[in-house]
Full PDB file with SEQRES, HELIX, SHEET, SSBOND, CRYST1, ORIGX, SCALE, CONECT and MASTER records, all heavy atoms in Angstrom:
SEQRES   1 A   30  ILE ALA TYR GLU PRO VAL TRP ALA ILE GLY ALA ALA GLU          
SEQRES   2 A   30  PRO ALA ASP ALA GLY TYR VAL SER ASP VAL VAL ASN HIS          
SEQRES   3 A   30  LEU ARG GLY LEU                                              
HELIX    1 AA1 VAL A    6  ALA A    8  5                                   3    
HELIX    2 AA2 ALA A   17  GLY A   29  1                                  13    
CRYST1    1.000    1.000    1.000  90.00  90.00  90.00 P 1           1          
ORIGX1      1.000000  0.000000  0.000000        0.00000                         
ORIGX2      0.000000  1.000000  0.000000        0.00000                         
ORIGX3      0.000000  0.000000  1.000000        0.00000                         
SCALE1      1.000000  0.000000  0.000000        0.00000                         
SCALE2      0.000000  1.000000  0.000000        0.00000                         
SCALE3      0.000000  0.000000  1.000000        0.00000                         
ATOM      1  N   ILE A   1       9.795   2.006   1.183  1.00  0.00           N  
ATOM      2  CA  ILE A   1       9.350   3.062   2.029  1.00  0.00           C  
ATOM      3  C   ILE A   1       8.018   2.762   2.714  1.00  0.00           C  
ATOM      4  O   ILE A   1       7.086   2.382   2.035  1.00  0.00           O  
ATOM      5  CB  ILE A   1       9.175   4.360   1.260  1.00  0.00           C  
ATOM      6  CG1 ILE A   1      10.501   4.723   0.519  1.00  0.00           C  
ATOM      7  CG2 ILE A   1       8.713   5.511   2.147  1.00  0.00           C  
ATOM      8  CD1 ILE A   1      11.716   4.996   1.485  1.00  0.00           C  
ATOM      9  N   ALA A   2       7.980   2.893   4.033  1.00  0.00           N  
ATOM     10  CA  ALA A   2       6.711   2.780   4.787  1.00  0.00           C  
ATOM     11  C   ALA A   2       6.371   4.171   5.174  1.00  0.00           C  
ATOM     12  O   ALA A   2       6.927   4.784   6.081  1.00  0.00           O  
ATOM     13  CB  ALA A   2       6.849   1.880   5.969  1.00  0.00           C  
ATOM     14  N   TYR A   3       5.339   4.743   4.429  1.00  0.00           N  
ATOM     15  CA  TYR A   3       4.889   6.143   4.796  1.00  0.00           C  
ATOM     16  C   TYR A   3       3.862   5.990   5.893  1.00  0.00           C  
ATOM     17  O   TYR A   3       2.788   5.443   5.706  1.00  0.00           O  
ATOM     18  CB  TYR A   3       4.268   6.753   3.547  1.00  0.00           C  
ATOM     19  CG  TYR A   3       3.537   8.057   3.908  1.00  0.00           C  
ATOM     20  CD1 TYR A   3       4.137   9.072   4.628  1.00  0.00           C  
ATOM     21  CD2 TYR A   3       2.184   8.201   3.513  1.00  0.00           C  
ATOM     22  CE1 TYR A   3       3.464  10.176   4.930  1.00  0.00           C  
ATOM     23  CE2 TYR A   3       1.479   9.391   3.796  1.00  0.00           C  
ATOM     24  CZ  TYR A   3       2.113  10.332   4.520  1.00  0.00           C  
ATOM     25  OH  TYR A   3       1.359  11.526   4.912  1.00  0.00           O  
ATOM     26  N   GLU A   4       4.242   6.480   7.062  1.00  0.00           N  
ATOM     27  CA  GLU A   4       3.429   6.378   8.262  1.00  0.00           C  
ATOM     28  C   GLU A   4       3.314   7.746   8.944  1.00  0.00           C  
ATOM     29  O   GLU A   4       4.188   8.092   9.709  1.00  0.00           O  
ATOM     30  CB  GLU A   4       4.003   5.338   9.256  1.00  0.00           C  
ATOM     31  CG  GLU A   4       4.075   3.969   8.724  1.00  0.00           C  
ATOM     32  CD  GLU A   4       4.509   2.952   9.853  1.00  0.00           C  
ATOM     33  OE1 GLU A   4       5.639   3.143  10.417  1.00  0.00           O  
ATOM     34  OE2 GLU A   4       3.731   2.051  10.092  1.00  0.00           O  
ATOM     35  N   PRO A   5       2.228   8.508   8.629  1.00  0.00           N  
ATOM     36  CA  PRO A   5       2.057   9.769   9.302  1.00  0.00           C  
ATOM     37  C   PRO A   5       2.047   9.511  10.837  1.00  0.00           C  
ATOM     38  O   PRO A   5       1.247   8.714  11.293  1.00  0.00           O  
ATOM     39  CB  PRO A   5       0.746  10.251   8.784  1.00  0.00           C  
ATOM     40  CG  PRO A   5       0.463   9.531   7.514  1.00  0.00           C  
ATOM     41  CD  PRO A   5       1.131   8.206   7.717  1.00  0.00           C  
ATOM     42  N   VAL A   6       2.898  10.190  11.515  1.00  0.00           N  
ATOM     43  CA  VAL A   6       3.044   9.948  12.969  1.00  0.00           C  
ATOM     44  C   VAL A   6       1.684  10.134  13.710  1.00  0.00           C  
ATOM     45  O   VAL A   6       1.377   9.331  14.580  1.00  0.00           O  
ATOM     46  CB  VAL A   6       4.105  10.818  13.601  1.00  0.00           C  
ATOM     47  CG1 VAL A   6       4.240  10.637  15.052  1.00  0.00           C  
ATOM     48  CG2 VAL A   6       5.456  10.624  12.926  1.00  0.00           C  
ATOM     49  N   TRP A   7       0.951  11.056  13.274  1.00  0.00           N  
ATOM     50  CA  TRP A   7      -0.370  11.360  13.919  1.00  0.00           C  
ATOM     51  C   TRP A   7      -1.421  10.329  13.724  1.00  0.00           C  
ATOM     52  O   TRP A   7      -2.415  10.246  14.322  1.00  0.00           O  
ATOM     53  CB  TRP A   7      -0.860  12.749  13.497  1.00  0.00           C  
ATOM     54  CG  TRP A   7      -0.854  12.980  12.007  1.00  0.00           C  
ATOM     55  CD1 TRP A   7       0.227  13.387  11.255  1.00  0.00           C  
ATOM     56  CD2 TRP A   7      -1.880  12.701  11.093  1.00  0.00           C  
ATOM     57  NE1 TRP A   7      -0.132  13.363   9.905  1.00  0.00           N  
ATOM     58  CE2 TRP A   7      -1.448  12.988   9.754  1.00  0.00           C  
ATOM     59  CE3 TRP A   7      -3.241  12.165  11.289  1.00  0.00           C  
ATOM     60  CZ2 TRP A   7      -2.256  12.836   8.579  1.00  0.00           C  
ATOM     61  CZ3 TRP A   7      -3.966  12.006  10.099  1.00  0.00           C  
ATOM     62  CH2 TRP A   7      -3.509  12.398   8.841  1.00  0.00           C  
ATOM     63  N   ALA A   8      -1.209   9.409  12.683  1.00  0.00           N  
ATOM     64  CA  ALA A   8      -2.175   8.342  12.351  1.00  0.00           C  
ATOM     65  C   ALA A   8      -1.785   7.039  13.089  1.00  0.00           C  
ATOM     66  O   ALA A   8      -2.641   6.118  13.099  1.00  0.00           O  
ATOM     67  CB  ALA A   8      -2.224   8.176  10.905  1.00  0.00           C  
ATOM     68  N   ILE A   9      -0.580   6.918  13.572  1.00  0.00           N  
ATOM     69  CA  ILE A   9      -0.157   5.621  14.256  1.00  0.00           C  
ATOM     70  C   ILE A   9      -0.960   5.431  15.470  1.00  0.00           C  
ATOM     71  O   ILE A   9      -0.964   6.276  16.396  1.00  0.00           O  
ATOM     72  CB  ILE A   9       1.378   5.681  14.485  1.00  0.00           C  
ATOM     73  CG1 ILE A   9       2.149   5.766  13.189  1.00  0.00           C  
ATOM     74  CG2 ILE A   9       1.766   4.383  15.281  1.00  0.00           C  
ATOM     75  CD1 ILE A   9       3.636   5.945  13.340  1.00  0.00           C  
ATOM     76  N   GLY A  10      -1.620   4.300  15.599  1.00  0.00           N  
ATOM     77  CA  GLY A  10      -2.378   4.019  16.832  1.00  0.00           C  
ATOM     78  C   GLY A  10      -3.711   4.657  16.924  1.00  0.00           C  
ATOM     79  O   GLY A  10      -4.476   4.505  17.881  1.00  0.00           O  
ATOM     80  N   ALA A  11      -4.113   5.504  15.854  1.00  0.00           N  
ATOM     81  CA  ALA A  11      -5.374   6.180  15.846  1.00  0.00           C  
ATOM     82  C   ALA A  11      -6.524   5.182  15.610  1.00  0.00           C  
ATOM     83  O   ALA A  11      -6.301   4.085  15.188  1.00  0.00           O  
ATOM     84  CB  ALA A  11      -5.366   7.303  14.792  1.00  0.00           C  
ATOM     85  N   ALA A  12      -7.755   5.650  15.863  1.00  0.00           N  
ATOM     86  CA  ALA A  12      -8.923   4.764  15.653  1.00  0.00           C  
ATOM     87  C   ALA A  12      -9.156   4.523  14.144  1.00  0.00           C  
ATOM     88  O   ALA A  12      -9.589   3.498  13.726  1.00  0.00           O  
ATOM     89  CB  ALA A  12     -10.100   5.423  16.268  1.00  0.00           C  
ATOM     90  N   GLU A  13      -8.754   5.478  13.296  1.00  0.00           N  
ATOM     91  CA  GLU A  13      -8.931   5.347  11.811  1.00  0.00           C  
ATOM     92  C   GLU A  13      -7.612   5.807  11.170  1.00  0.00           C  
ATOM     93  O   GLU A  13      -6.839   6.564  11.637  1.00  0.00           O  
ATOM     94  CB  GLU A  13     -10.079   6.279  11.392  1.00  0.00           C  
ATOM     95  CG  GLU A  13     -11.410   5.892  11.831  1.00  0.00           C  
ATOM     96  CD  GLU A  13     -11.914   4.571  11.292  1.00  0.00           C  
ATOM     97  OE1 GLU A  13     -11.501   4.160  10.208  1.00  0.00           O  
ATOM     98  OE2 GLU A  13     -12.682   3.835  12.004  1.00  0.00           O  
ATOM     99  N   PRO A  14      -7.374   5.244   9.961  1.00  0.00           N  
ATOM    100  CA  PRO A  14      -6.184   5.666   9.208  1.00  0.00           C  
ATOM    101  C   PRO A  14      -6.348   7.091   8.677  1.00  0.00           C  
ATOM    102  O   PRO A  14      -7.393   7.698   8.779  1.00  0.00           O  
ATOM    103  CB  PRO A  14      -6.208   4.656   8.015  1.00  0.00           C  
ATOM    104  CG  PRO A  14      -7.568   4.279   7.868  1.00  0.00           C  
ATOM    105  CD  PRO A  14      -8.196   4.226   9.273  1.00  0.00           C  
ATOM    106  N   ALA A  15      -5.269   7.617   8.200  1.00  0.00           N  
ATOM    107  CA  ALA A  15      -5.335   8.955   7.606  1.00  0.00           C  
ATOM    108  C   ALA A  15      -6.210   8.871   6.400  1.00  0.00           C  
ATOM    109  O   ALA A  15      -6.451   7.805   5.762  1.00  0.00           O  
ATOM    110  CB  ALA A  15      -3.972   9.410   7.146  1.00  0.00           C  
ATOM    111  N   ASP A  16      -6.888   9.914   6.055  1.00  0.00           N  
ATOM    112  CA  ASP A  16      -7.853   9.936   4.924  1.00  0.00           C  
ATOM    113  C   ASP A  16      -7.158   9.488   3.614  1.00  0.00           C  
ATOM    114  O   ASP A  16      -6.065   9.846   3.338  1.00  0.00           O  
ATOM    115  CB  ASP A  16      -8.330  11.356   4.700  1.00  0.00           C  
ATOM    116  CG  ASP A  16      -9.293  11.521   3.552  1.00  0.00           C  
ATOM    117  OD1 ASP A  16     -10.512  11.131   3.697  1.00  0.00           O  
ATOM    118  OD2 ASP A  16      -8.884  11.998   2.479  1.00  0.00           O  
ATOM    119  N   ALA A  17      -7.877   8.668   2.829  1.00  0.00           N  
ATOM    120  CA  ALA A  17      -7.309   8.044   1.694  1.00  0.00           C  
ATOM    121  C   ALA A  17      -6.871   9.074   0.659  1.00  0.00           C  
ATOM    122  O   ALA A  17      -5.800   8.977   0.019  1.00  0.00           O  
ATOM    123  CB  ALA A  17      -8.320   7.059   1.018  1.00  0.00           C  
ATOM    124  N   GLY A  18      -7.675  10.151   0.535  1.00  0.00           N  
ATOM    125  CA  GLY A  18      -7.318  11.221  -0.456  1.00  0.00           C  
ATOM    126  C   GLY A  18      -6.004  11.897   0.034  1.00  0.00           C  
ATOM    127  O   GLY A  18      -5.118  12.201  -0.836  1.00  0.00           O  
ATOM    128  N   TYR A  19      -5.846  12.176   1.329  1.00  0.00           N  
ATOM    129  CA  TYR A  19      -4.616  12.782   1.851  1.00  0.00           C  
ATOM    130  C   TYR A  19      -3.427  11.924   1.540  1.00  0.00           C  
ATOM    131  O   TYR A  19      -2.398  12.397   1.047  1.00  0.00           O  
ATOM    132  CB  TYR A  19      -4.805  13.082   3.313  1.00  0.00           C  
ATOM    133  CG  TYR A  19      -3.601  13.672   3.987  1.00  0.00           C  
ATOM    134  CD1 TYR A  19      -3.374  15.007   3.992  1.00  0.00           C  
ATOM    135  CD2 TYR A  19      -2.710  12.841   4.639  1.00  0.00           C  
ATOM    136  CE1 TYR A  19      -2.282  15.566   4.574  1.00  0.00           C  
ATOM    137  CE2 TYR A  19      -1.556  13.436   5.278  1.00  0.00           C  
ATOM    138  CZ  TYR A  19      -1.351  14.760   5.242  1.00  0.00           C  
ATOM    139  OH  TYR A  19      -0.276  15.321   5.847  1.00  0.00           O  
ATOM    140  N   VAL A  20      -3.532  10.606   1.880  1.00  0.00           N  
ATOM    141  CA  VAL A  20      -2.375   9.711   1.713  1.00  0.00           C  
ATOM    142  C   VAL A  20      -1.997   9.724   0.212  1.00  0.00           C  
ATOM    143  O   VAL A  20      -0.841   9.745  -0.124  1.00  0.00           O  
ATOM    144  CB  VAL A  20      -2.777   8.332   2.210  1.00  0.00           C  
ATOM    145  CG1 VAL A  20      -1.654   7.326   1.839  1.00  0.00           C  
ATOM    146  CG2 VAL A  20      -2.943   8.327   3.753  1.00  0.00           C  
ATOM    147  N   SER A  21      -3.074   9.585  -0.657  1.00  0.00           N  
ATOM    148  CA  SER A  21      -2.699   9.482  -2.083  1.00  0.00           C  
ATOM    149  C   SER A  21      -2.031  10.785  -2.558  1.00  0.00           C  
ATOM    150  O   SER A  21      -1.121  10.682  -3.369  1.00  0.00           O  
ATOM    151  CB  SER A  21      -4.063   9.284  -2.831  1.00  0.00           C  
ATOM    152  OG  SER A  21      -4.654   8.076  -2.468  1.00  0.00           O  
ATOM    153  N   ASP A  22      -2.477  11.917  -2.090  1.00  0.00           N  
ATOM    154  CA  ASP A  22      -1.875  13.227  -2.476  1.00  0.00           C  
ATOM    155  C   ASP A  22      -0.429  13.279  -2.113  1.00  0.00           C  
ATOM    156  O   ASP A  22       0.461  13.677  -2.838  1.00  0.00           O  
ATOM    157  CB  ASP A  22      -2.669  14.388  -1.970  1.00  0.00           C  
ATOM    158  CG  ASP A  22      -4.028  14.603  -2.670  1.00  0.00           C  
ATOM    159  OD1 ASP A  22      -4.157  13.989  -3.717  1.00  0.00           O  
ATOM    160  OD2 ASP A  22      -4.824  15.376  -2.161  1.00  0.00           O  
ATOM    161  N   VAL A  23      -0.200  12.923  -0.815  1.00  0.00           N  
ATOM    162  CA  VAL A  23       1.165  12.966  -0.299  1.00  0.00           C  
ATOM    163  C   VAL A  23       2.059  12.028  -1.062  1.00  0.00           C  
ATOM    164  O   VAL A  23       3.163  12.407  -1.477  1.00  0.00           O  
ATOM    165  CB  VAL A  23       1.220  12.592   1.237  1.00  0.00           C  
ATOM    166  CG1 VAL A  23       2.673  12.465   1.728  1.00  0.00           C  
ATOM    167  CG2 VAL A  23       0.495  13.675   2.040  1.00  0.00           C  
ATOM    168  N   VAL A  24       1.628  10.778  -1.296  1.00  0.00           N  
ATOM    169  CA  VAL A  24       2.419   9.774  -2.005  1.00  0.00           C  
ATOM    170  C   VAL A  24       2.677  10.216  -3.438  1.00  0.00           C  
ATOM    171  O   VAL A  24       3.790  10.121  -3.953  1.00  0.00           O  
ATOM    172  CB  VAL A  24       1.840   8.416  -1.927  1.00  0.00           C  
ATOM    173  CG1 VAL A  24       2.590   7.415  -2.779  1.00  0.00           C  
ATOM    174  CG2 VAL A  24       1.809   7.909  -0.519  1.00  0.00           C  
ATOM    175  N   ASN A  25       1.676  10.775  -4.059  1.00  0.00           N  
ATOM    176  CA  ASN A  25       1.937  11.230  -5.444  1.00  0.00           C  
ATOM    177  C   ASN A  25       2.834  12.396  -5.535  1.00  0.00           C  
ATOM    178  O   ASN A  25       3.669  12.491  -6.455  1.00  0.00           O  
ATOM    179  CB  ASN A  25       0.523  11.497  -6.128  1.00  0.00           C  
ATOM    180  CG  ASN A  25      -0.199  10.238  -6.513  1.00  0.00           C  
ATOM    181  OD1 ASN A  25       0.389   9.288  -7.034  1.00  0.00           O  
ATOM    182  ND2 ASN A  25      -1.453  10.141  -6.255  1.00  0.00           N  
ATOM    183  N   HIS A  26       2.746  13.335  -4.575  1.00  0.00           N  
ATOM    184  CA  HIS A  26       3.734  14.392  -4.477  1.00  0.00           C  
ATOM    185  C   HIS A  26       5.130  13.869  -4.303  1.00  0.00           C  
ATOM    186  O   HIS A  26       6.076  14.334  -4.896  1.00  0.00           O  
ATOM    187  CB  HIS A  26       3.348  15.353  -3.327  1.00  0.00           C  
ATOM    188  CG  HIS A  26       2.366  16.475  -3.772  1.00  0.00           C  
ATOM    189  ND1 HIS A  26       1.010  16.317  -3.645  1.00  0.00           N  
ATOM    190  CD2 HIS A  26       2.595  17.720  -4.244  1.00  0.00           C  
ATOM    191  CE1 HIS A  26       0.429  17.434  -4.097  1.00  0.00           C  
ATOM    192  NE2 HIS A  26       1.363  18.270  -4.412  1.00  0.00           N  
ATOM    193  N   LEU A  27       5.148  12.937  -3.404  1.00  0.00           N  
ATOM    194  CA  LEU A  27       6.516  12.277  -3.109  1.00  0.00           C  
ATOM    195  C   LEU A  27       7.054  11.677  -4.322  1.00  0.00           C  
ATOM    196  O   LEU A  27       8.320  11.728  -4.620  1.00  0.00           O  
ATOM    197  CB  LEU A  27       6.354  11.244  -1.969  1.00  0.00           C  
ATOM    198  CG  LEU A  27       7.574  10.394  -1.582  1.00  0.00           C  
ATOM    199  CD1 LEU A  27       8.709  11.342  -1.098  1.00  0.00           C  
ATOM    200  CD2 LEU A  27       7.235   9.380  -0.539  1.00  0.00           C  
ATOM    201  N   ARG A  28       6.234  10.933  -5.129  1.00  0.00           N  
ATOM    202  CA  ARG A  28       6.795  10.300  -6.353  1.00  0.00           C  
ATOM    203  C   ARG A  28       7.287  11.387  -7.311  1.00  0.00           C  
ATOM    204  O   ARG A  28       8.229  11.048  -8.057  1.00  0.00           O  
ATOM    205  CB  ARG A  28       5.657   9.513  -6.979  1.00  0.00           C  
ATOM    206  CG  ARG A  28       5.275   8.301  -6.199  1.00  0.00           C  
ATOM    207  CD  ARG A  28       4.589   7.180  -7.006  1.00  0.00           C  
ATOM    208  NE  ARG A  28       4.238   6.038  -6.192  1.00  0.00           N  
ATOM    209  CZ  ARG A  28       5.114   5.117  -5.699  1.00  0.00           C  
ATOM    210  NH1 ARG A  28       6.393   5.191  -6.054  1.00  0.00           N  
ATOM    211  NH2 ARG A  28       4.668   4.093  -4.992  1.00  0.00           N  
ATOM    212  N   GLY A  29       6.684  12.530  -7.346  1.00  0.00           N  
ATOM    213  CA  GLY A  29       7.245  13.606  -8.177  1.00  0.00           C  
ATOM    214  C   GLY A  29       8.628  14.006  -7.707  1.00  0.00           C  
ATOM    215  O   GLY A  29       9.530  14.251  -8.529  1.00  0.00           O  
ATOM    216  N   LEU A  30       8.827  14.083  -6.419  1.00  0.00           N  
ATOM    217  CA  LEU A  30      10.166  14.406  -5.852  1.00  0.00           C  
ATOM    218  C   LEU A  30      11.203  13.276  -6.136  1.00  0.00           C  
ATOM    219  O   LEU A  30      12.366  13.537  -6.434  1.00  0.00           O  
ATOM    220  CB  LEU A  30      10.087  14.678  -4.378  1.00  0.00           C  
ATOM    221  CG  LEU A  30       9.252  15.840  -3.945  1.00  0.00           C  
ATOM    222  CD1 LEU A  30       9.082  15.928  -2.413  1.00  0.00           C  
ATOM    223  CD2 LEU A  30       9.872  17.159  -4.478  1.00  0.00           C  
TER     224      LEU A  30                                                      
MASTER        0    0    0    2    0    0    0    6  223    1    0    3          
END                                                                             
């Protein structure tokens, strides 16, 4: 799985590390 928030693609900075970690850990629960 390549988790790529659409709003972060091509942005100056990646999505916040805490946000990414939270989403991925929620996803692992699912």
